[in-house]
Amino acid sequence: MADAIEKDLKNWFAGAKKVVIAGIGNPIRQDDNVGLKIVQDLQGKVPENVCLLECETVPESYILDIEQFKPTHVLLIDAAFLGLKPGEASLLDTEKIADFPAITTHMLPLKIFCEYVKQATGAKIALLLIEPKCMEFGEGLSVEVQKATERLTKLLLELLG
């Protein structure tokens, strides 16, 4: 996981001047909390050109915040069933979201959200998706997803400077 994700994220962040990282998920559905957890772990550790948002299940509520920040890059982090091993991650360009019509459980389909943000900001947008092990009601991440959270947080800190 680490090598491919590291390469993909490094390439994706190339030329980034202002970055929004938005964590998406439900904090009471175990591994669905992964996007929020990564954003929480980044709090206070990233430079001023990075805006961190804990969107929970309604990223559309943060459209104005994203627009006002005027990002060059927007990275959405979420749990998604992609057929990978729990904790494995994949970076998807927004053009490929159509290939995964039901990857998330949120109110507004992420494809529509991403299209709007792209039109409103002109930013490069991608989804960092992590395969969950358990999405049942409850708190805490599975061991596999917790390990992925730690690796991805460290990687993002390195890439963001």
N, C-alpha and C. Protein backbone atom coordinates (compact mmCIF):
# COMPACT_ATOMS: atom_id res chain seq x y z
N MET A 1 0.82 -1.20 0.00
CA MET A 1 0.00 0.00 0.00
C MET A 1 0.86 1.25 0.00
N ALA A 2 1.82 1.30 0.91
CA ALA A 2 2.55 2.54 1.14
C ALA A 2 3.26 3.04 -0.11
N ASP A 3 3.91 2.15 -0.86
CA ASP A 3 4.67 2.60 -2.01
C ASP A 3 3.79 3.22 -3.08
N ALA A 4 2.71 2.55 -3.46
CA ALA A 4 1.83 3.08 -4.49
C ALA A 4 1.15 4.36 -4.03
N ILE A 5 0.66 4.38 -2.81
CA ILE A 5 -0.01 5.57 -2.29
C ILE A 5 0.96 6.72 -2.17
N GLU A 6 2.17 6.43 -1.69
CA GLU A 6 3.18 7.48 -1.55
C GLU A 6 3.47 8.12 -2.90
N LYS A 7 3.66 7.29 -3.90
CA LYS A 7 3.95 7.79 -5.26
C LYS A 7 2.75 8.58 -5.81
N ASP A 8 1.56 8.01 -5.66
CA ASP A 8 0.36 8.68 -6.18
C ASP A 8 0.14 10.04 -5.51
N LEU A 9 0.27 10.09 -4.19
CA LEU A 9 0.06 11.35 -3.46
C LEU A 9 1.15 12.36 -3.80
N LYS A 10 2.39 11.90 -3.88
CA LYS A 10 3.49 12.80 -4.22
C LYS A 10 3.25 13.44 -5.58
N ASN A 11 2.86 12.65 -6.57
CA ASN A 11 2.56 13.17 -7.90
C ASN A 11 1.36 14.12 -7.86
N TRP A 12 0.34 13.74 -7.09
CA TRP A 12 -0.87 14.55 -7.04
C TRP A 12 -0.60 15.91 -6.38
N PHE A 13 0.20 15.94 -5.34
CA PHE A 13 0.51 17.19 -4.63
C PHE A 13 1.49 18.08 -5.38
N ALA A 14 2.10 17.59 -6.46
CA ALA A 14 3.08 18.40 -7.20
C ALA A 14 2.45 19.74 -7.60
N GLY A 15 3.13 20.82 -7.29
CA GLY A 15 2.65 22.15 -7.65
C GLY A 15 1.58 22.71 -6.73
N ALA A 16 1.28 22.04 -5.64
CA ALA A 16 0.23 22.52 -4.73
C ALA A 16 0.70 23.78 -4.02
N LYS A 17 -0.15 24.79 -4.03
CA LYS A 17 0.14 26.04 -3.33
C LYS A 17 -0.75 26.20 -2.09
N LYS A 18 -2.02 25.90 -2.26
CA LYS A 18 -2.98 25.95 -1.15
C LYS A 18 -3.80 24.67 -1.19
N VAL A 19 -3.85 23.98 -0.07
CA VAL A 19 -4.46 22.65 -0.03
C VAL A 19 -5.59 22.61 1.00
N VAL A 20 -6.72 22.05 0.58
CA VAL A 20 -7.79 21.71 1.52
C VAL A 20 -7.76 20.20 1.69
N ILE A 21 -7.75 19.76 2.94
CA ILE A 21 -7.90 18.34 3.24
C ILE A 21 -9.18 18.20 4.04
N ALA A 22 -10.13 17.50 3.45
CA ALA A 22 -11.44 17.34 4.06
C ALA A 22 -11.66 15.89 4.47
N GLY A 23 -11.86 15.68 5.75
CA GLY A 23 -12.16 14.36 6.27
C GLY A 23 -13.66 14.14 6.24
N ILE A 24 -14.08 13.03 5.66
CA ILE A 24 -15.49 12.71 5.52
C ILE A 24 -15.76 11.41 6.25
N GLY A 25 -16.91 11.32 6.93
CA GLY A 25 -17.26 10.07 7.58
C GLY A 25 -18.18 10.27 8.77
N ASN A 26 -18.59 9.16 9.31
CA ASN A 26 -19.49 9.16 10.46
C ASN A 26 -18.71 8.68 11.69
N PRO A 27 -18.55 9.55 12.70
CA PRO A 27 -17.73 9.19 13.85
C PRO A 27 -18.29 8.06 14.71
N ILE A 28 -19.54 7.66 14.50
CA ILE A 28 -20.10 6.57 15.30
C ILE A 28 -20.33 5.30 14.48
N ARG A 29 -19.62 5.20 13.35
CA ARG A 29 -19.69 3.99 12.52
C ARG A 29 -18.29 3.43 12.29
N GLN A 30 -17.59 3.19 13.36
CA GLN A 30 -16.27 2.57 13.38
C GLN A 30 -15.35 3.07 12.27
N ASP A 31 -15.01 2.24 11.29
CA ASP A 31 -14.03 2.61 10.27
C ASP A 31 -14.48 3.74 9.35
N ASP A 32 -15.76 4.07 9.35
CA ASP A 32 -16.22 5.20 8.55
C ASP A 32 -15.63 6.51 9.09
N ASN A 33 -15.06 6.47 10.27
CA ASN A 33 -14.46 7.64 10.91
C ASN A 33 -13.04 7.91 10.42
N VAL A 34 -12.50 7.11 9.54
CA VAL A 34 -11.09 7.21 9.16
C VAL A 34 -10.72 8.58 8.60
N GLY A 35 -11.54 9.16 7.75
CA GLY A 35 -11.22 10.47 7.18
C GLY A 35 -11.15 11.55 8.24
N LEU A 36 -12.09 11.50 9.18
CA LEU A 36 -12.10 12.48 10.27
C LEU A 36 -10.88 12.30 11.17
N LYS A 37 -10.53 11.05 11.45
CA LYS A 37 -9.40 10.75 12.32
C LYS A 37 -8.09 11.28 11.73
N ILE A 38 -7.90 11.11 10.44
CA ILE A 38 -6.68 11.60 9.80
C ILE A 38 -6.62 13.13 9.91
N VAL A 39 -7.72 13.81 9.63
CA VAL A 39 -7.75 15.27 9.73
C VAL A 39 -7.48 15.70 11.18
N GLN A 40 -8.07 15.02 12.14
CA GLN A 40 -7.83 15.35 13.55
C GLN A 40 -6.35 15.18 13.89
N ASP A 41 -5.73 14.12 13.38
CA ASP A 41 -4.32 13.86 13.68
C ASP A 41 -3.39 14.88 13.00
N LEU A 42 -3.86 15.54 11.96
CA LEU A 42 -3.07 16.57 11.27
C LEU A 42 -3.20 17.94 11.93
N GLN A 43 -4.24 18.14 12.74
CA GLN A 43 -4.50 19.44 13.37
C GLN A 43 -3.27 19.94 14.11
N GLY A 44 -2.93 21.22 13.87
CA GLY A 44 -1.81 21.85 14.55
C GLY A 44 -0.44 21.44 14.05
N LYS A 45 -0.38 20.61 13.00
CA LYS A 45 0.91 20.11 12.51
C LYS A 45 1.19 20.49 11.06
N VAL A 46 0.25 21.18 10.41
CA VAL A 46 0.41 21.52 8.99
C VAL A 46 0.65 23.02 8.83
N PRO A 47 1.28 23.42 7.72
CA PRO A 47 1.52 24.85 7.50
C PRO A 47 0.22 25.63 7.21
N GLU A 48 0.34 26.95 7.19
CA GLU A 48 -0.83 27.82 7.00
C GLU A 48 -1.50 27.68 5.64
N ASN A 49 -0.78 27.15 4.67
CA ASN A 49 -1.37 27.00 3.33
C ASN A 49 -2.23 25.73 3.21
N VAL A 50 -2.48 25.08 4.36
CA VAL A 50 -3.32 23.88 4.39
C VAL A 50 -4.53 24.15 5.29
N CYS A 51 -5.70 23.93 4.73
CA CYS A 51 -6.96 24.09 5.46
C CYS A 51 -7.51 22.69 5.75
N LEU A 52 -7.71 22.40 7.03
CA LEU A 52 -8.24 21.10 7.44
C LEU A 52 -9.71 21.24 7.80
N LEU A 53 -10.54 20.36 7.24
CA LEU A 53 -11.98 20.39 7.50
C LEU A 53 -12.47 19.02 7.94
N GLU A 54 -13.21 18.99 9.04
CA GLU A 54 -13.87 17.77 9.50
C GLU A 54 -15.32 17.86 9.04
N CYS A 55 -15.61 17.28 7.90
CA CYS A 55 -16.92 17.44 7.25
C CYS A 55 -17.98 16.45 7.74
N GLU A 56 -17.56 15.43 8.44
CA GLU A 56 -18.46 14.35 8.84
C GLU A 56 -19.20 13.84 7.59
N THR A 57 -20.52 13.72 7.63
CA THR A 57 -21.25 13.14 6.49
C THR A 57 -21.83 14.19 5.55
N VAL A 58 -21.49 15.47 5.78
CA VAL A 58 -22.07 16.53 4.95
C VAL A 58 -20.99 17.47 4.40
N PRO A 59 -20.13 16.98 3.50
CA PRO A 59 -19.09 17.85 2.96
C PRO A 59 -19.67 19.07 2.24
N GLU A 60 -20.88 18.94 1.73
CA GLU A 60 -21.50 20.07 1.03
C GLU A 60 -21.70 21.28 1.94
N SER A 61 -21.75 21.07 3.24
CA SER A 61 -21.88 22.18 4.19
C SER A 61 -20.61 23.02 4.25
N TYR A 62 -19.53 22.54 3.68
CA TYR A 62 -18.23 23.23 3.74
C TYR A 62 -17.82 23.84 2.40
N ILE A 63 -18.73 23.85 1.45
CA ILE A 63 -18.41 24.39 0.12
C ILE A 63 -17.94 25.84 0.22
N LEU A 64 -18.62 26.67 0.99
CA LEU A 64 -18.24 28.08 1.11
C LEU A 64 -16.84 28.21 1.73
N ASP A 65 -16.54 27.41 2.76
CA ASP A 65 -15.20 27.43 3.38
C ASP A 65 -14.13 27.09 2.34
N ILE A 66 -14.41 26.08 1.53
CA ILE A 66 -13.46 25.65 0.50
C ILE A 66 -13.28 26.76 -0.53
N GLU A 67 -14.38 27.32 -1.01
CA GLU A 67 -14.30 28.40 -2.00
C GLU A 67 -13.50 29.59 -1.48
N GLN A 68 -13.77 30.00 -0.25
CA GLN A 68 -13.11 31.17 0.33
C GLN A 68 -11.61 30.95 0.53
N PHE A 69 -11.19 29.72 0.75
CA PHE A 69 -9.77 29.42 0.94
C PHE A 69 -9.00 29.51 -0.39
N LYS A 70 -9.72 29.36 -1.51
CA LYS A 70 -9.14 29.41 -2.86
C LYS A 70 -7.99 28.40 -3.04
N PRO A 71 -8.30 27.12 -2.86
CA PRO A 71 -7.25 26.09 -2.95
C PRO A 71 -6.83 25.79 -4.38
N THR A 72 -5.60 25.29 -4.49
CA THR A 72 -5.15 24.75 -5.78
C THR A 72 -5.43 23.24 -5.81
N HIS A 73 -5.53 22.64 -4.62
CA HIS A 73 -5.74 21.20 -4.49
C HIS A 73 -6.74 20.93 -3.36
N VAL A 74 -7.66 19.99 -3.60
CA VAL A 74 -8.62 19.57 -2.58
C VAL A 74 -8.54 18.04 -2.49
N LEU A 75 -8.20 17.55 -1.30
CA LEU A 75 -8.12 16.12 -1.06
C LEU A 75 -9.21 15.73 -0.09
N LEU A 76 -10.10 14.85 -0.53
CA LEU A 76 -11.18 14.33 0.31
C LEU A 76 -10.76 12.96 0.80
N ILE A 77 -10.85 12.74 2.11
CA ILE A 77 -10.45 11.45 2.69
C ILE A 77 -11.68 10.78 3.26
N ASP A 78 -11.91 9.53 2.86
CA ASP A 78 -13.12 8.83 3.26
C ASP A 78 -12.89 7.33 3.25
N ALA A 79 -13.75 6.61 3.94
CA ALA A 79 -13.78 5.15 3.87
C ALA A 79 -14.63 4.77 2.66
N ALA A 80 -14.25 3.70 1.99
CA ALA A 80 -15.03 3.26 0.84
C ALA A 80 -14.76 1.78 0.57
N PHE A 81 -15.82 1.08 0.19
CA PHE A 81 -15.69 -0.33 -0.17
C PHE A 81 -15.22 -0.41 -1.62
N LEU A 82 -13.95 -0.77 -1.79
CA LEU A 82 -13.35 -0.85 -3.11
C LEU A 82 -12.92 -2.26 -3.47
N GLY A 83 -13.14 -3.20 -2.56
CA GLY A 83 -12.72 -4.58 -2.81
C GLY A 83 -11.26 -4.80 -2.45
N LEU A 84 -10.67 -3.91 -1.66
CA LEU A 84 -9.29 -4.06 -1.21
C LEU A 84 -9.26 -4.74 0.15
N LYS A 85 -8.07 -4.94 0.69
CA LYS A 85 -7.95 -5.46 2.04
C LYS A 85 -8.22 -4.30 3.01
N PRO A 86 -8.81 -4.59 4.18
CA PRO A 86 -9.04 -3.52 5.15
C PRO A 86 -7.76 -2.73 5.44
N GLY A 87 -7.89 -1.41 5.39
CA GLY A 87 -6.75 -0.53 5.63
C GLY A 87 -6.01 -0.13 4.38
N GLU A 88 -6.22 -0.84 3.26
CA GLU A 88 -5.56 -0.43 2.02
C GLU A 88 -6.22 0.83 1.49
N ALA A 89 -5.42 1.66 0.83
CA ALA A 89 -5.92 2.94 0.35
C ALA A 89 -5.70 3.07 -1.15
N SER A 90 -6.52 3.92 -1.75
CA SER A 90 -6.42 4.20 -3.17
C SER A 90 -6.69 5.69 -3.39
N LEU A 91 -5.93 6.30 -4.28
CA LEU A 91 -6.15 7.70 -4.63
C LEU A 91 -6.88 7.72 -5.97
N LEU A 92 -8.08 8.27 -5.95
CA LEU A 92 -8.88 8.32 -7.17
C LEU A 92 -9.05 9.75 -7.64
N ASP A 93 -8.83 9.94 -8.92
CA ASP A 93 -9.14 11.22 -9.54
C ASP A 93 -10.66 11.33 -9.62
N THR A 94 -11.17 12.53 -9.54
CA THR A 94 -12.63 12.70 -9.55
C THR A 94 -13.28 12.19 -10.83
N GLU A 95 -12.52 12.10 -11.90
CA GLU A 95 -13.07 11.58 -13.16
C GLU A 95 -13.46 10.11 -13.01
N LYS A 96 -12.83 9.41 -12.08
CA LYS A 96 -13.07 7.98 -11.92
C LYS A 96 -14.17 7.67 -10.92
N ILE A 97 -14.75 8.69 -10.32
CA ILE A 97 -15.79 8.46 -9.33
C ILE A 97 -16.98 7.74 -9.96
N ALA A 98 -17.24 7.99 -11.21
CA ALA A 98 -18.37 7.35 -11.89
C ALA A 98 -18.23 5.83 -11.88
N ASP A 99 -16.98 5.35 -11.82
CA ASP A 99 -16.75 3.90 -11.79
C ASP A 99 -17.17 3.28 -10.46
N PHE A 100 -17.37 4.13 -9.44
CA PHE A 100 -17.73 3.67 -8.10
C PHE A 100 -18.96 4.43 -7.63
N PRO A 101 -20.14 4.16 -8.21
CA PRO A 101 -21.31 4.97 -7.92
C PRO A 101 -21.79 4.93 -6.48
N ALA A 102 -21.50 3.88 -5.74
CA ALA A 102 -22.03 3.77 -4.38
C ALA A 102 -20.91 3.57 -3.36
N ILE A 103 -19.81 4.31 -3.54
CA ILE A 103 -18.69 4.07 -2.65
C ILE A 103 -18.87 4.65 -1.27
N THR A 104 -19.76 5.62 -1.13
CA THR A 104 -19.93 6.22 0.19
C THR A 104 -21.40 6.24 0.57
N THR A 105 -21.64 6.64 1.79
CA THR A 105 -23.01 6.62 2.32
C THR A 105 -23.51 8.02 2.65
N HIS A 106 -23.02 9.02 1.95
CA HIS A 106 -23.32 10.39 2.32
C HIS A 106 -24.50 10.95 1.55
N MET A 107 -25.04 12.05 2.08
CA MET A 107 -26.26 12.64 1.54
C MET A 107 -26.11 13.03 0.06
N LEU A 108 -25.15 13.87 -0.25
CA LEU A 108 -24.93 14.31 -1.62
C LEU A 108 -23.86 13.42 -2.23
N PRO A 109 -24.13 12.82 -3.38
CA PRO A 109 -23.08 11.98 -3.99
C PRO A 109 -21.79 12.78 -4.16
N LEU A 110 -20.66 12.15 -3.84
CA LEU A 110 -19.38 12.85 -3.91
C LEU A 110 -19.05 13.33 -5.31
N LYS A 111 -19.53 12.65 -6.33
CA LYS A 111 -19.26 13.09 -7.70
C LYS A 111 -19.84 14.48 -7.92
N ILE A 112 -21.06 14.71 -7.49
CA ILE A 112 -21.70 16.02 -7.65
C ILE A 112 -20.95 17.07 -6.83
N PHE A 113 -20.61 16.74 -5.60
CA PHE A 113 -19.86 17.64 -4.74
C PHE A 113 -18.54 18.03 -5.40
N CYS A 114 -17.80 17.04 -5.88
CA CYS A 114 -16.50 17.30 -6.50
C CYS A 114 -16.63 18.14 -7.77
N GLU A 115 -17.62 17.86 -8.58
CA GLU A 115 -17.83 18.65 -9.79
C GLU A 115 -18.09 20.10 -9.45
N TYR A 116 -18.91 20.34 -8.43
CA TYR A 116 -19.20 21.72 -8.03
C TYR A 116 -17.94 22.42 -7.52
N VAL A 117 -17.19 21.77 -6.63
CA VAL A 117 -15.98 22.38 -6.07
C VAL A 117 -14.97 22.67 -7.18
N LYS A 118 -14.86 21.75 -8.12
CA LYS A 118 -13.92 21.94 -9.23
C LYS A 118 -14.32 23.16 -10.07
N GLN A 119 -15.61 23.28 -10.37
CA GLN A 119 -16.09 24.44 -11.13
C GLN A 119 -15.92 25.73 -10.35
N ALA A 120 -16.21 25.70 -9.06
CA ALA A 120 -16.17 26.92 -8.23
C ALA A 120 -14.75 27.40 -7.95
N THR A 121 -13.79 26.47 -7.86
CA THR A 121 -12.43 26.84 -7.45
C THR A 121 -11.37 26.63 -8.52
N GLY A 122 -11.63 25.75 -9.46
CA GLY A 122 -10.61 25.39 -10.44
C GLY A 122 -9.54 24.49 -9.85
N ALA A 123 -9.75 24.02 -8.63
CA ALA A 123 -8.75 23.21 -7.93
C ALA A 123 -8.68 21.79 -8.50
N LYS A 124 -7.55 21.19 -8.30
CA LYS A 124 -7.34 19.78 -8.59
C LYS A 124 -7.97 19.01 -7.42
N ILE A 125 -8.80 18.02 -7.72
CA ILE A 125 -9.53 17.32 -6.66
C ILE A 125 -9.28 15.81 -6.78
N ALA A 126 -9.09 15.19 -5.62
CA ALA A 126 -8.92 13.73 -5.59
C ALA A 126 -9.53 13.18 -4.31
N LEU A 127 -9.79 11.89 -4.35
CA LEU A 127 -10.33 11.17 -3.19
C LEU A 127 -9.28 10.18 -2.71
N LEU A 128 -8.94 10.28 -1.44
CA LEU A 128 -8.09 9.28 -0.80
C LEU A 128 -9.05 8.36 -0.05
N LEU A 129 -9.22 7.16 -0.59
CA LEU A 129 -10.22 6.23 -0.06
C LEU A 129 -9.54 5.07 0.64
N ILE A 130 -10.03 4.76 1.83
CA ILE A 130 -9.46 3.69 2.64
C ILE A 130 -10.51 2.60 2.82
N GLU A 131 -10.11 1.37 2.54
CA GLU A 131 -11.01 0.22 2.68
C GLU A 131 -11.31 -0.03 4.16
N PRO A 132 -12.59 0.00 4.54
CA PRO A 132 -12.94 -0.27 5.94
C PRO A 132 -13.01 -1.77 6.21
N LYS A 133 -12.91 -2.13 7.47
CA LYS A 133 -13.15 -3.51 7.89
C LYS A 133 -14.56 -3.63 8.46
N CYS A 134 -14.95 -2.62 9.26
CA CYS A 134 -16.26 -2.66 9.91
C CYS A 134 -16.89 -1.28 9.90
N MET A 135 -18.13 -1.20 9.44
CA MET A 135 -18.85 0.07 9.39
C MET A 135 -20.08 0.03 10.29
N GLU A 136 -20.08 -0.91 11.23
CA GLU A 136 -21.20 -1.02 12.16
C GLU A 136 -21.18 0.16 13.14
N PHE A 137 -22.31 0.37 13.81
CA PHE A 137 -22.34 1.41 14.84
C PHE A 137 -21.36 1.06 15.93
N GLY A 138 -20.62 2.05 16.37
CA GLY A 138 -19.63 1.87 17.42
C GLY A 138 -18.51 2.87 17.25
N GLU A 139 -17.65 2.94 18.24
CA GLU A 139 -16.53 3.87 18.19
C GLU A 139 -15.23 3.12 18.06
N GLY A 140 -14.23 3.80 17.54
CA GLY A 140 -12.91 3.21 17.38
C GLY A 140 -12.74 2.57 16.03
N LEU A 141 -11.52 2.64 15.54
CA LEU A 141 -11.18 2.05 14.25
C LEU A 141 -10.69 0.62 14.44
N SER A 142 -10.87 -0.20 13.42
CA SER A 142 -10.29 -1.54 13.45
C SER A 142 -8.77 -1.40 13.46
N VAL A 143 -8.08 -2.45 13.87
CA VAL A 143 -6.62 -2.42 13.94
C VAL A 143 -6.02 -2.09 12.57
N GLU A 144 -6.54 -2.71 11.52
CA GLU A 144 -6.01 -2.49 10.17
C GLU A 144 -6.17 -1.04 9.73
N VAL A 145 -7.34 -0.48 9.99
CA VAL A 145 -7.61 0.90 9.57
C VAL A 145 -6.86 1.89 10.46
N GLN A 146 -6.68 1.58 11.73
CA GLN A 146 -5.89 2.44 12.62
C GLN A 146 -4.44 2.51 12.13
N LYS A 147 -3.88 1.37 11.74
CA LYS A 147 -2.50 1.35 11.22
C LYS A 147 -2.41 2.18 9.94
N ALA A 148 -3.41 2.05 9.07
CA ALA A 148 -3.43 2.84 7.83
C ALA A 148 -3.52 4.33 8.14
N THR A 149 -4.32 4.67 9.14
CA THR A 149 -4.47 6.07 9.55
C THR A 149 -3.11 6.64 9.97
N GLU A 150 -2.38 5.89 10.76
CA GLU A 150 -1.07 6.34 11.23
C GLU A 150 -0.10 6.52 10.07
N ARG A 151 -0.06 5.55 9.15
CA ARG A 151 0.84 5.64 7.99
C ARG A 151 0.47 6.82 7.10
N LEU A 152 -0.83 6.97 6.82
CA LEU A 152 -1.27 8.03 5.92
C LEU A 152 -1.08 9.42 6.54
N THR A 153 -1.30 9.54 7.83
CA THR A 153 -1.09 10.82 8.50
C THR A 153 0.38 11.21 8.41
N LYS A 154 1.28 10.27 8.68
CA LYS A 154 2.72 10.53 8.60
C LYS A 154 3.11 10.92 7.17
N LEU A 155 2.58 10.21 6.20
CA LEU A 155 2.89 10.50 4.80
C LEU A 155 2.39 11.89 4.41
N LEU A 156 1.17 12.23 4.79
CA LEU A 156 0.63 13.55 4.47
C LEU A 156 1.47 14.66 5.13
N LEU A 157 1.90 14.45 6.36
CA LEU A 157 2.74 15.44 7.03
C LEU A 157 4.05 15.65 6.27
N GLU A 158 4.63 14.57 5.80
CA GLU A 158 5.87 14.68 5.01
C GLU A 158 5.64 15.45 3.72
N LEU A 159 4.56 15.14 3.02
CA LEU A 159 4.28 15.77 1.73
C LEU A 159 3.86 17.24 1.86
N LEU A 160 3.22 17.57 2.96
CA LEU A 160 2.74 18.95 3.15
C LEU A 160 3.82 19.85 3.75
N GLY A 161 4.93 19.27 4.22
CA GLY A 161 6.02 20.07 4.77
C GLY A 161 5.75 20.51 6.16
